[in-house]
């Protein structure tokens, strides 16, 4: 095991003398193996090793896992740091999955310990985060992205190393080893590890791939599928790196002008852009979009294809993309620009509520979004939806006509069991909603009382309770 891992570390130059490495150790087999091998690596490469264990407050046995890792670090003479975070609460607050919240919390913990314990290493780019992803994890990630129609970035799966925005490098020394090899190694040396019961559940998509798809492929399609996919990932990674370098050169060749201060507009030569191979055209568009909206949230292959089509004709055309991105053909230029969000301040629609049991009513709003409204009888066995854009309200508590609009002076919501009022302005400040976004949030309101700030919270007064007879269901989709 050490021979395999040390060769992989050397291949990607993961460890260097005088590095400071924080290893994320949960207590599971993979992370225990990582800890032992990194501890052994210090005999050949002089570096500082620290261990961080994050308690997500999600399992009853979490404290026992922390104690196990603490004792292991004591035996190995490695500094141990315990970080405790309420991941379910963070997920609910940020309206993200617990899986995503846990990942964010872990990397934030790793970086905070490095900044606290080794600020010089961080400033000198000698700080590393070591995590225990293995070949199985890489295969699961590849399939997950493949099923979602990912491009090269997703199909490479997990990379051996990558750099975070902080400049800290993440290394994955076990990425050349399978989960089976790791567990066999620990059994051979007589080392125990913790079992995370959530890994046995099929709650997460990744677990379903792990428990059902990969075992079936191994048994019925090709033996050694995990290792085969690892080799394919290496080939795809080399391909991706090559394509990225060629795309950057193509971008520079096509670029006519670029706003260098605020990155609001990029102009590409339509004729030079049209001469590129279709793959490079798409990569150049993605390169441009990454400069304008780094997260590239909601950008799909259809959007990229639409931008590429601007070079097919000399006619001036334009269309909007997510994130307030506009793309247009302007004579011999393809222009991609980031625009300020269109104001919805004066937008106001009267909501027509259908009768109980009637066909749901759809309303098209001024920004193109759709509000679907329905009313039906409530039964205690019904589960209230947790969807961010589908909400239930007590129909019988509504006394005046409802409006869908943007905020006005005096708007308020109720927010606790005794129905205390809070001005919407104060709520938005408390929730740290950016100032520039506040006038663009749709509100469902009865007079000044806001039932729902769409995408955020609903007013406690209108919530379903034991006296509810009819439910008003409101669902939003589309638009910006």
Protein backbone atom coordinates (compact mmCIF):
# COMPACT_ATOMS: atom_id res chain seq x y z
CA UNK A 1 0.00 0.00 0.00
CA UNK A 2 2.77 2.43 0.91
CA UNK A 3 4.63 1.67 -2.33
CA UNK A 4 1.50 2.44 -4.38
CA UNK A 5 0.61 5.61 -2.48
CA UNK A 6 4.16 6.99 -2.31
CA UNK A 7 4.51 6.52 -6.08
CA UNK A 8 1.24 8.41 -6.59
CA UNK A 9 2.39 11.21 -4.26
CA UNK A 10 5.67 11.48 -6.18
CA UNK A 11 3.93 11.40 -9.59
CA UNK A 12 1.88 14.50 -8.76
CA UNK A 13 4.47 16.15 -6.51
CA UNK A 14 1.90 16.27 -3.69
CA UNK A 15 4.31 16.65 -0.77
CA UNK A 16 7.44 18.75 -0.43
CA UNK A 17 9.79 19.43 2.48
CA UNK A 18 8.52 22.05 4.95
CA UNK A 19 4.90 21.74 3.82
CA UNK A 20 2.13 21.98 6.41
CA UNK A 21 -0.59 19.40 5.74
CA UNK A 22 -4.01 19.25 7.35
CA UNK A 23 -5.54 15.79 6.94
CA UNK A 24 -9.31 15.48 7.18
CA UNK A 25 -9.93 12.34 9.24
CA UNK A 26 -13.49 11.18 9.90
CA UNK A 27 -12.49 7.84 11.41
CA UNK A 28 -13.69 5.81 8.41
CA UNK A 29 -11.41 3.30 6.71
CA UNK A 30 -10.25 5.68 3.97
CA UNK A 31 -9.29 8.52 6.30
CA UNK A 32 -7.62 6.21 8.84
CA UNK A 33 -5.51 4.78 6.02
CA UNK A 34 -4.68 8.33 4.91
CA UNK A 35 -3.58 9.31 8.42
CA UNK A 36 -1.31 6.26 8.81
CA UNK A 37 0.33 6.66 5.41
CA UNK A 38 0.90 10.40 5.80
CA UNK A 39 2.39 9.74 9.22
CA UNK A 40 4.75 7.21 7.62
CA UNK A 41 5.58 9.64 4.80
CA UNK A 42 7.13 12.07 7.31
CA UNK A 43 10.08 9.68 7.62
CA UNK A 44 10.99 10.34 3.99
CA UNK A 45 9.71 13.91 3.51
CA UNK A 46 9.99 16.35 6.45
CA UNK A 47 6.63 18.10 6.69
CA UNK A 48 4.26 19.14 9.47
CA UNK A 49 1.09 17.02 9.78
CA UNK A 50 -2.09 18.16 11.53
CA UNK A 51 -5.40 16.28 11.79
CA UNK A 52 -8.85 17.88 11.73
CA UNK A 53 -11.99 15.96 12.63
CA UNK A 54 -15.35 17.61 11.95
CA UNK A 55 -18.41 16.59 13.98
CA UNK A 56 -21.42 17.36 11.75
CA UNK A 57 -23.95 16.86 14.62
CA UNK A 58 -25.88 14.40 12.44
CA UNK A 59 -25.26 11.01 14.11
CA UNK A 60 -25.52 9.69 17.67
CA UNK A 61 -22.11 7.98 17.38
CA UNK A 62 -20.33 11.16 16.20
CA UNK A 63 -18.73 11.77 19.61
CA UNK A 64 -17.36 8.22 19.68
CA UNK A 65 -15.85 8.74 16.21
CA UNK A 66 -14.14 11.93 17.41
CA UNK A 67 -12.74 10.11 20.46
CA UNK A 68 -11.41 7.32 18.21
CA UNK A 69 -9.57 9.77 15.94
CA UNK A 70 -8.24 11.73 18.93
CA UNK A 71 -6.73 8.54 20.42
CA UNK A 72 -5.24 7.52 17.07
CA UNK A 73 -3.57 10.93 16.75
CA UNK A 74 -2.24 10.62 20.29
CA UNK A 75 -0.64 7.29 19.41
CA UNK A 76 0.86 8.73 16.22
CA UNK A 77 1.95 11.94 18.01
CA UNK A 78 0.00 14.15 15.60
CA UNK A 79 -1.78 17.37 16.70
CA UNK A 80 -5.56 16.86 16.72
CA UNK A 81 -8.24 19.52 16.15
CA UNK A 82 -11.96 18.92 16.72
CA UNK A 83 -14.41 21.21 14.92
CA UNK A 84 -18.12 20.90 15.78
CA UNK A 85 -20.76 22.38 13.47
CA UNK A 86 -24.53 21.88 13.25
CA UNK A 87 -24.63 20.91 9.58
CA UNK A 88 -28.42 20.31 9.35
CA UNK A 89 -29.05 23.81 10.74
CA UNK A 90 -26.53 25.34 8.31
CA UNK A 91 -28.13 23.46 5.39
CA UNK A 92 -31.59 24.74 6.36
CA UNK A 93 -30.33 28.30 6.80
CA UNK A 94 -28.51 28.38 3.45
CA UNK A 95 -31.22 26.34 1.68
CA UNK A 96 -28.78 23.70 0.46
CA UNK A 97 -28.50 19.93 0.94
CA UNK A 98 -26.85 18.54 4.07
CA UNK A 99 -24.30 16.86 1.77
CA UNK A 100 -23.26 20.20 0.29
CA UNK A 101 -23.35 21.95 3.68
CA UNK A 102 -21.11 19.26 5.15
CA UNK A 103 -18.57 19.67 2.36
CA UNK A 104 -18.49 23.45 2.81
CA UNK A 105 -18.10 23.12 6.58
CA UNK A 106 -15.25 20.62 6.27
CA UNK A 107 -13.14 22.68 3.89
CA UNK A 108 -13.81 25.84 5.90
CA UNK A 109 -12.57 23.97 8.99
CA UNK A 110 -9.45 22.71 7.22
CA UNK A 111 -8.56 26.19 5.99
CA UNK A 112 -9.25 27.86 9.35
CA UNK A 113 -6.88 25.46 11.15
CA UNK A 114 -4.16 26.08 8.57
CA UNK A 115 -4.58 29.85 8.88
CA UNK A 116 -4.48 29.57 12.66
CA UNK A 117 -1.60 27.10 13.04
CA UNK A 118 0.54 27.76 9.96
CA UNK A 119 -0.11 31.26 8.54
CA UNK A 120 3.43 31.39 7.12
CA UNK A 121 2.86 28.16 5.17
CA UNK A 122 -0.36 29.57 3.76
CA UNK A 123 1.31 32.82 2.66
CA UNK A 124 4.24 30.92 1.11
CA UNK A 125 1.93 28.47 -0.74
CA UNK A 126 3.26 25.58 1.37
CA UNK A 127 -0.11 24.69 2.92
CA UNK A 128 -1.95 21.53 1.83
CA UNK A 129 -5.27 19.86 2.64
CA UNK A 130 -5.19 16.05 2.38
CA UNK A 131 -8.49 14.21 1.89
CA UNK A 132 -9.13 10.49 1.54
CA UNK A 133 -10.96 10.14 -1.77
CA UNK A 134 -10.20 6.81 -3.43
CA UNK A 135 -10.72 5.09 -6.80
CA UNK A 136 -14.30 4.13 -5.91
CA UNK A 137 -15.14 7.75 -5.09
CA UNK A 138 -13.71 8.81 -8.44
CA UNK A 139 -15.77 6.23 -10.34
CA UNK A 140 -18.96 7.22 -8.48
CA UNK A 141 -18.35 10.88 -9.28
CA UNK A 142 -17.69 10.12 -12.96
CA UNK A 143 -20.99 8.25 -13.27
CA UNK A 144 -22.88 10.92 -11.32
CA UNK A 145 -21.67 13.61 -13.73
CA UNK A 146 -22.13 11.40 -16.80
CA UNK A 147 -25.79 10.78 -15.94
CA UNK A 148 -26.28 14.56 -15.68
CA UNK A 149 -24.78 15.15 -19.12
CA UNK A 150 -21.52 16.69 -17.91
CA UNK A 151 -18.63 17.73 -20.13
CA UNK A 152 -14.95 16.92 -19.74
CA UNK A 153 -14.63 18.65 -16.36
CA UNK A 154 -17.20 16.35 -14.78
CA UNK A 155 -16.15 13.19 -16.59
CA UNK A 156 -12.63 13.31 -15.16
CA UNK A 157 -14.23 12.76 -11.75
CA UNK A 158 -12.12 13.75 -8.75
CA UNK A 159 -8.70 15.20 -9.56
CA UNK A 160 -5.49 14.13 -7.76
CA UNK A 161 -4.93 17.72 -6.68
CA UNK A 162 -6.54 21.10 -7.16
CA UNK A 163 -6.10 24.61 -5.83
CA UNK A 164 -8.75 26.43 -3.82
CA UNK A 165 -9.52 30.15 -4.07
CA UNK A 166 -7.48 30.66 -0.91
CA UNK A 167 -4.40 29.35 -2.73
CA UNK A 168 -4.31 26.22 -0.55
CA UNK A 169 -3.80 22.99 -2.50
CA UNK A 170 -6.00 19.94 -1.94
CA UNK A 171 -4.18 16.62 -2.36
CA UNK A 172 -5.68 13.13 -2.67
CA UNK A 173 -2.93 10.55 -2.07
CA UNK A 174 -5.33 7.56 -2.05
CA UNK A 175 -6.91 8.27 -5.43
CA UNK A 176 -4.95 5.39 -7.01
CA UNK A 177 -6.25 2.84 -4.45
CA UNK A 178 -9.64 1.12 -4.30
CA UNK A 179 -11.82 0.93 -1.20
CA UNK A 180 -11.30 -2.85 -1.19
CA UNK A 181 -7.49 -2.44 -1.16
CA UNK A 182 -7.68 0.14 1.62
CA UNK A 183 -9.81 -2.05 3.88
CA UNK A 184 -7.62 -5.10 3.15
CA UNK A 185 -4.55 -3.08 4.20
CA UNK A 186 -6.13 -2.02 7.50
CA UNK A 187 -7.26 -5.57 8.27
CA UNK A 188 -3.77 -6.89 7.53
CA UNK A 189 -2.13 -4.50 10.00
CA UNK A 190 -4.89 -5.04 12.60
CA UNK A 191 -6.24 -1.49 12.52
CA UNK A 192 -9.90 -0.77 13.33
CA UNK A 193 -11.99 2.02 11.85
CA UNK A 194 -15.38 3.65 12.43
CA UNK A 195 -18.50 2.73 10.46
CA UNK A 196 -20.70 5.61 9.29
CA UNK A 197 -24.24 4.22 9.14
CA UNK A 198 -25.34 6.91 6.66
CA UNK A 199 -23.01 5.36 4.07
CA UNK A 200 -25.23 2.27 4.08
CA UNK A 201 -28.38 4.26 3.29
CA UNK A 202 -29.66 5.00 -0.22
CA UNK A 203 -30.68 8.56 0.66
CA UNK A 204 -27.99 10.17 -1.48
CA UNK A 205 -27.65 9.62 -5.23
CA UNK A 206 -23.96 8.81 -4.77
CA UNK A 207 -24.83 5.99 -2.38
CA UNK A 208 -27.26 4.46 -4.88
CA UNK A 209 -24.51 4.45 -7.49
CA UNK A 210 -22.17 2.87 -4.91
CA UNK A 211 -24.55 0.17 -3.73
CA UNK A 212 -26.32 -0.81 -6.94
CA UNK A 213 -24.83 0.43 -10.22
CA UNK A 214 -21.12 -0.20 -9.71
CA UNK A 215 -21.56 -3.68 -8.14
CA UNK A 216 -23.82 -4.65 -11.06
CA UNK A 217 -21.25 -3.37 -13.57
CA UNK A 218 -18.46 -5.26 -11.79
CA UNK A 219 -20.44 -8.51 -11.79
CA UNK A 220 -22.32 -8.40 -15.10
CA UNK A 221 -20.34 -6.13 -17.46
CA UNK A 222 -16.59 -6.00 -16.73
CA UNK A 223 -14.42 -7.17 -13.88
CA UNK A 224 -12.11 -4.52 -12.44
CA UNK A 225 -14.50 -1.75 -13.45
CA UNK A 226 -13.24 0.60 -10.72
CA UNK A 227 -9.62 0.43 -11.91
CA UNK A 228 -10.72 0.64 -15.56
CA UNK A 229 -12.65 3.83 -14.86
CA UNK A 230 -9.64 5.23 -13.01
CA UNK A 231 -7.49 4.75 -16.11
CA UNK A 232 -10.20 6.34 -18.26
CA UNK A 233 -10.32 9.28 -15.85
CA UNK A 234 -6.56 9.80 -16.22
CA UNK A 235 -6.93 9.88 -20.02
CA UNK A 236 -9.85 12.30 -19.80
CA UNK A 237 -7.90 14.48 -17.38
CA UNK A 238 -5.00 14.76 -19.84
CA UNK A 239 -7.49 15.52 -22.61
CA UNK A 240 -9.18 18.17 -20.51
CA UNK A 241 -5.86 19.86 -19.68
CA UNK A 242 -4.91 19.91 -23.38
CA UNK A 243 -8.30 21.28 -24.45
CA UNK A 244 -8.13 23.95 -21.76
CA UNK A 245 -4.72 25.18 -22.93
CA UNK A 246 -5.88 25.24 -26.56
CA UNK A 247 -9.07 27.04 -25.54
CA UNK A 248 -7.13 29.78 -23.76
CA UNK A 249 -5.02 30.31 -26.89
CA UNK A 250 -8.16 30.37 -29.07
CA UNK A 251 -9.77 32.89 -26.71
CA UNK A 252 -6.76 35.22 -26.97
CA UNK A 253 -6.78 34.88 -30.78
CA UNK A 254 -10.50 35.72 -31.01
CA UNK A 255 -10.66 38.48 -28.40
CA UNK A 256 -11.17 41.98 -29.82
CA UNK A 257 -11.64 43.77 -26.50
CA UNK A 258 -12.36 43.02 -22.88
CA UNK A 259 -13.36 45.25 -19.98
CA UNK A 260 -10.30 44.69 -17.81
CA UNK A 261 -11.62 46.37 -14.64
CA UNK A 262 -15.08 45.04 -13.94
CA UNK A 263 -15.36 42.27 -16.53
CA UNK A 264 -18.67 43.52 -17.92
CA UNK A 265 -18.13 42.89 -21.62
CA UNK A 266 -16.08 40.65 -23.92
CA UNK A 267 -15.94 41.10 -27.71
CA UNK A 268 -14.86 38.25 -29.95
CA UNK A 269 -14.09 38.42 -33.66
CA UNK A 270 -17.01 36.61 -35.31
CA UNK A 271 -14.90 35.52 -38.30
CA UNK A 272 -12.04 34.14 -36.18
CA UNK A 273 -14.53 32.53 -33.78
CA UNK A 274 -16.34 30.86 -36.71
CA UNK A 275 -13.06 29.34 -37.95
CA UNK A 276 -12.56 27.40 -34.70
CA UNK A 277 -13.39 23.73 -34.30
CA UNK A 278 -16.88 23.37 -32.68
CA UNK A 279 -15.32 21.97 -29.50
CA UNK A 280 -13.05 25.00 -29.15
CA UNK A 281 -15.97 27.36 -29.87
CA UNK A 282 -17.87 25.92 -26.92
CA UNK A 283 -14.82 26.04 -24.67
CA UNK A 284 -14.15 29.68 -25.61
CA UNK A 285 -17.75 30.58 -24.74
CA UNK A 286 -17.40 28.81 -21.38
CA UNK A 287 -14.11 30.64 -20.81
CA UNK A 288 -15.89 33.96 -21.44
CA UNK A 289 -18.80 33.08 -19.17
CA UNK A 290 -16.43 32.04 -16.40
CA UNK A 291 -14.91 35.53 -16.48
CA UNK A 292 -18.34 37.18 -16.28
CA UNK A 293 -20.08 34.77 -13.87
CA UNK A 294 -17.50 32.53 -12.17
CA UNK A 295 -20.12 30.14 -10.71
CA UNK A 296 -21.73 29.61 -14.16
CA UNK A 297 -24.91 28.75 -12.27
CA UNK A 298 -27.81 27.57 -14.49
CA UNK A 299 -25.67 27.74 -17.66
CA UNK A 300 -26.48 24.71 -19.83
CA UNK A 301 -25.14 23.28 -23.09
CA UNK A 302 -28.15 24.83 -24.85
CA UNK A 303 -27.03 28.32 -23.76
CA UNK A 304 -23.47 27.66 -24.96
CA UNK A 305 -24.77 26.35 -28.29
CA UNK A 306 -26.93 29.47 -28.72
CA UNK A 307 -23.92 31.77 -28.25
CA UNK A 308 -21.93 29.72 -30.77
CA UNK A 309 -24.75 30.12 -33.30
CA UNK A 310 -24.16 33.89 -33.36
CA UNK A 311 -21.20 33.37 -35.68
CA UNK A 312 -23.31 31.46 -38.26
CA UNK A 313 -24.86 34.55 -39.80
CA UNK A 314 -24.00 38.18 -40.34
CA UNK A 315 -27.40 39.31 -39.04
CA UNK A 316 -27.38 41.20 -35.77
CA UNK A 317 -29.17 39.10 -33.14
CA UNK A 318 -29.27 39.00 -29.35
CA UNK A 319 -30.67 36.95 -26.47
CA UNK A 320 -30.43 36.67 -22.68
CA UNK A 321 -28.71 33.97 -20.65
CA UNK A 322 -29.04 33.22 -16.91
CA UNK A 323 -27.16 35.51 -14.54
CA UNK A 324 -28.17 38.65 -16.48
CA UNK A 325 -25.77 37.75 -19.29
CA UNK A 326 -26.62 39.11 -22.74
CA UNK A 327 -25.10 37.72 -25.95
CA UNK A 328 -25.45 39.42 -29.32
CA UNK A 329 -24.06 39.61 -32.84
CA UNK A 330 -22.87 43.09 -33.67
CA UNK A 331 -21.48 43.33 -37.23
CA UNK A 332 -18.17 41.38 -37.10
CA UNK A 333 -18.27 40.86 -33.33
CA UNK A 334 -19.85 38.39 -30.96
CA UNK A 335 -20.46 40.36 -27.75
CA UNK A 336 -21.04 38.75 -24.36
CA UNK A 337 -21.83 41.17 -21.56
CA UNK A 338 -23.08 41.19 -18.00
CA UNK A 339 -26.01 43.54 -17.45
CA UNK A 340 -27.53 44.98 -14.32
CA UNK A 341 -30.64 43.12 -13.21
CA UNK A 342 -33.81 44.55 -14.69
CA UNK A 343 -35.83 46.41 -12.07
CA UNK A 344 -39.14 44.92 -10.95
CA UNK A 345 -39.96 47.77 -8.59
CA UNK A 346 -43.16 48.83 -10.33
CA UNK A 347 -44.32 45.30 -11.10
CA UNK A 348 -47.59 44.38 -9.35
CA UNK A 349 -50.11 41.66 -10.16
CA UNK A 350 -53.47 40.89 -8.58
CA UNK A 351 -53.67 37.20 -7.65
CA UNK A 352 -56.80 35.37 -8.73
CA UNK A 353 -57.41 32.50 -6.30
CA UNK A 354 -59.38 29.55 -7.75
CA UNK A 355 -62.16 27.88 -5.79
CA UNK A 356 -61.29 24.82 -3.68
CA UNK A 357 -60.89 21.78 -5.92
CA UNK A 358 -60.88 23.81 -9.14
CA UNK A 359 -58.24 23.49 -11.85
CA UNK A 360 -54.97 25.19 -10.79
CA UNK A 361 -54.56 28.72 -12.12
CA UNK A 362 -51.35 29.88 -13.82
CA UNK A 363 -50.23 33.52 -13.85
CA UNK A 364 -47.40 34.79 -16.04
CA UNK A 365 -45.47 37.58 -14.33
CA UNK A 366 -43.62 40.50 -15.86
CA UNK A 367 -40.19 38.80 -15.67
CA UNK A 368 -41.43 35.68 -17.45
CA UNK A 369 -41.83 33.54 -14.34
CA UNK A 370 -44.97 31.50 -13.75
CA UNK A 371 -47.01 31.41 -10.53
CA UNK A 372 -49.27 28.36 -10.23
CA UNK A 373 -52.08 28.60 -7.65
CA UNK A 374 -54.42 25.90 -6.38
CA UNK A 375 -56.72 25.33 -3.40
CA UNK A 376 -57.60 21.95 -1.91
CA UNK A 377 -58.81 20.29 1.30
CA UNK A 378 -56.28 19.63 4.04
CA UNK A 379 -55.85 16.27 5.76
CA UNK A 380 -53.59 15.67 8.75
CA UNK A 381 -51.76 12.89 6.93
CA UNK A 382 -50.46 15.30 4.29
CA UNK A 383 -46.76 16.22 4.32
CA UNK A 384 -46.00 19.90 3.94
CA UNK A 385 -43.61 20.33 0.95
CA UNK A 386 -40.05 21.41 1.73
CA UNK A 387 -39.42 22.77 -1.78
CA UNK A 388 -37.94 26.27 -1.78
CA UNK A 389 -40.37 27.40 -4.50
CA UNK A 390 -43.55 25.54 -3.46
CA UNK A 391 -45.35 26.77 -0.33
CA UNK A 392 -48.59 25.99 1.51
CA UNK A 393 -50.72 28.61 3.29
CA UNK A 394 -53.87 28.43 5.42
CA UNK A 395 -56.51 29.47 2.89
CA UNK A 396 -59.08 30.48 5.56
CA UNK A 397 -56.75 33.09 7.11
CA UNK A 398 -56.70 35.13 3.91
CA UNK A 399 -59.28 37.92 4.10
CA UNK A 400 -58.23 40.44 1.44
CA UNK A 401 -57.16 40.16 -2.22
CA UNK A 402 -53.58 38.95 -2.62
CA UNK A 403 -50.97 40.74 -4.69
CA UNK A 404 -47.70 39.48 -6.16
CA UNK A 405 -45.30 42.41 -6.22
CA UNK A 406 -41.93 43.75 -5.09
CA UNK A 407 -41.36 45.39 -1.72
CA UNK A 408 -43.01 48.58 -0.50
CA UNK A 409 -42.47 50.79 2.52
CA UNK A 410 -44.14 49.29 5.59
CA UNK A 411 -44.11 45.64 4.44
CA UNK A 412 -43.80 43.18 7.32
CA UNK A 413 -43.85 39.47 8.17
CA UNK A 414 -44.64 37.53 11.34
CA UNK A 415 -41.86 35.26 12.48
CA UNK A 416 -42.54 33.33 15.70
CA UNK A 417 -45.19 31.46 17.70
CA UNK A 418 -46.61 34.66 19.21
CA UNK A 419 -46.76 36.24 15.73
CA UNK A 420 -44.32 39.07 16.41
CA UNK A 421 -44.02 41.43 13.46
CA UNK A 422 -40.78 42.33 11.72
CA UNK A 423 -40.39 44.89 8.97
CA UNK A 424 -39.37 43.23 5.71
CA UNK A 425 -36.46 45.68 5.47
CA UNK A 426 -35.13 44.46 8.84
CA UNK A 427 -35.64 40.82 7.84
CA UNK A 428 -33.62 41.32 4.65
CA UNK A 429 -30.82 43.00 6.60
CA UNK A 430 -30.80 40.21 9.22
CA UNK A 431 -30.68 37.56 6.48
CA UNK A 432 -27.81 39.43 4.77
CA UNK A 433 -29.70 39.61 1.48
CA UNK A 434 -27.54 41.85 -0.75
CA UNK A 435 -28.96 45.36 -1.15
CA UNK A 436 -28.96 45.10 -4.94
CA UNK A 437 -31.19 42.00 -4.79
CA UNK A 438 -33.88 43.26 -2.40
CA UNK A 439 -35.96 45.10 -5.01
CA UNK A 440 -35.96 42.06 -7.29
CA UNK A 441 -37.56 39.54 -4.92
CA UNK A 442 -41.20 38.68 -5.61
CA UNK A 443 -43.52 39.03 -2.62
CA UNK A 444 -46.92 37.40 -2.13
CA UNK A 445 -48.75 39.90 0.07
CA UNK A 446 -52.10 40.68 1.69
CA UNK A 447 -51.92 44.44 2.02
CA UNK A 448 -48.64 45.14 3.83
CA UNK A 449 -48.51 41.67 5.37
CA UNK A 450 -46.10 39.52 3.34
CA UNK A 451 -47.17 35.88 3.13
CA UNK A 452 -44.01 34.84 1.29
CA UNK A 453 -40.76 36.39 0.14
CA UNK A 454 -40.24 34.02 -2.78
CA UNK A 455 -37.08 31.96 -2.41
CA UNK A 456 -36.93 32.90 1.28
CA UNK A 457 -39.32 32.50 4.22
CA UNK A 458 -43.09 32.57 4.70
CA UNK A 459 -45.00 34.46 7.39
CA UNK A 460 -45.78 32.38 10.49
CA UNK A 461 -49.36 33.68 10.66
CA UNK A 462 -50.36 31.87 7.45
CA UNK A 463 -48.75 28.52 8.28
CA UNK A 464 -50.76 25.29 8.33
CA UNK A 465 -51.99 24.26 11.81
CA UNK A 466 -54.49 21.82 13.37
CA UNK A 467 -57.40 24.13 12.52
CA UNK A 468 -56.59 24.36 8.80
CA UNK A 469 -59.42 23.21 6.50
CA UNK A 470 -58.16 24.35 3.07
CA UNK A 471 -54.66 24.85 1.67
CA UNK A 472 -53.58 27.55 -0.74
CA UNK A 473 -50.64 26.09 -2.67
CA UNK A 474 -48.38 28.49 -4.58
CA UNK A 475 -45.61 27.27 -6.87
CA UNK A 476 -43.09 29.46 -8.74
CA UNK A 477 -41.04 28.43 -11.73
CA UNK A 478 -39.01 29.96 -14.55
CA UNK A 479 -37.99 33.60 -14.92
CA UNK A 480 -34.73 34.87 -13.43
